[in-house]
Amino acid sequence: MMSTTNTLSNAQLEILKLMADNLSEAELEDLKKLLLAFKLRRVTLLADKTWEEKGWSQETMNQFLETHLRTPYQQNQANTTK
């Protein structure tokens, strides 16, 4: 049997320390909103940084929206008749 070790990040450990007490449902909902807002802010900053580094513009985004990047499906040879 293979054992796995889950290591918590520094942020997870800090949150566990802060949240040693049970929260009410309303407090828990507030906490979820705060954590999501924090994550959204970090993702937005990363996206803005990437946008700037790559010199993208609104035109670049429009081109991305119009570009077909999906891999075409290959027809399964077993389903074809000869």
Protein backbone atom coordinates (compact mmCIF):
# COMPACT_ATOMS: atom_id res chain seq x y z
CA MET A 1 0.00 0.00 0.00
CA MET A 2 1.37 3.38 -1.03
CA SER A 3 1.25 6.16 1.55
CA THR A 4 0.90 9.78 0.57
CA THR A 5 1.96 12.82 2.53
CA ASN A 6 -0.10 15.97 2.20
CA THR A 7 1.83 19.07 3.12
CA LEU A 8 -0.07 22.24 3.88
CA SER A 9 1.15 25.53 2.49
CA ASN A 10 2.17 28.39 4.74
CA ALA A 11 -1.11 30.15 3.92
CA GLN A 12 -3.16 27.08 4.83
CA LEU A 13 -1.35 26.73 8.15
CA GLU A 14 -1.90 30.40 8.98
CA ILE A 15 -5.60 30.17 8.16
CA LEU A 16 -5.93 27.08 10.35
CA LYS A 17 -4.35 28.99 13.25
CA LEU A 18 -6.65 31.97 12.74
CA MET A 19 -9.77 29.83 12.41
CA ALA A 20 -9.37 27.66 15.47
CA ASP A 21 -12.90 28.65 16.59
CA ASN A 22 -16.07 27.64 14.82
CA LEU A 23 -17.70 30.35 12.72
CA SER A 24 -21.37 31.01 12.26
CA GLU A 25 -22.80 30.37 8.79
CA ALA A 26 -22.85 34.12 8.10
CA GLU A 27 -19.22 34.51 9.21
CA LEU A 28 -18.20 31.52 7.11
CA GLU A 29 -19.91 33.04 4.08
CA ASP A 30 -18.08 36.34 4.69
CA LEU A 31 -14.77 34.50 4.96
CA LYS A 32 -15.40 32.66 1.68
CA LYS A 33 -16.13 35.96 -0.06
CA LEU A 34 -12.94 37.52 1.34
CA LEU A 35 -10.82 34.57 0.24
CA LEU A 36 -12.34 34.59 -3.25
CA ALA A 37 -11.78 38.34 -3.57
CA PHE A 38 -8.15 37.86 -2.51
CA LYS A 39 -7.65 35.09 -5.09
CA LEU A 40 -9.37 37.13 -7.81
CA ARG A 41 -7.11 40.10 -7.08
CA ARG A 42 -3.99 37.90 -7.37
CA VAL A 43 -5.17 36.33 -10.65
CA THR A 44 -6.07 39.75 -12.08
CA LEU A 45 -2.63 41.14 -11.20
CA LEU A 46 -0.96 38.15 -12.85
CA ALA A 47 -3.10 38.57 -15.98
CA ASP A 48 -2.31 42.31 -16.10
CA LYS A 49 1.41 41.56 -15.74
CA THR A 50 1.28 39.01 -18.57
CA TRP A 51 -0.71 41.44 -20.74
CA GLU A 52 1.95 44.14 -20.22
CA GLU A 53 4.94 41.81 -20.70
CA LYS A 54 3.57 40.47 -23.97
CA GLY A 55 2.47 43.87 -25.25
CA TRP A 56 -1.09 42.71 -25.82
CA SER A 57 -3.89 45.08 -26.78
CA GLN A 58 -7.64 44.85 -27.20
CA GLU A 59 -6.97 43.92 -30.82
CA THR A 60 -4.87 40.97 -29.60
CA MET A 61 -7.78 39.80 -27.47
CA ASN A 62 -10.16 40.11 -30.42
CA GLN A 63 -7.78 37.98 -32.49
CA PHE A 64 -7.64 35.37 -29.72
CA LEU A 65 -11.45 35.24 -29.70
CA GLU A 66 -11.57 34.70 -33.46
CA THR A 67 -8.79 32.09 -33.62
CA HIS A 68 -9.74 28.42 -33.75
CA LEU A 69 -7.23 26.62 -31.54
CA ARG A 70 -9.00 23.31 -30.98
CA THR A 71 -7.32 20.11 -32.06
CA PRO A 72 -9.30 18.40 -34.82
CA TYR A 73 -10.79 15.06 -33.89
CA GLN A 74 -9.49 12.00 -35.68
CA GLN A 75 -12.05 9.58 -36.98
CA ASN A 76 -11.88 6.28 -35.15
CA GLN A 77 -10.66 3.63 -37.61
CA ALA A 78 -12.69 0.90 -35.84
CA ASN A 79 -15.95 2.67 -36.67
CA THR A 80 -15.32 3.02 -40.39
CA THR A 81 -16.49 0.41 -42.86
CA LYS A 82 -14.47 -0.63 -45.88
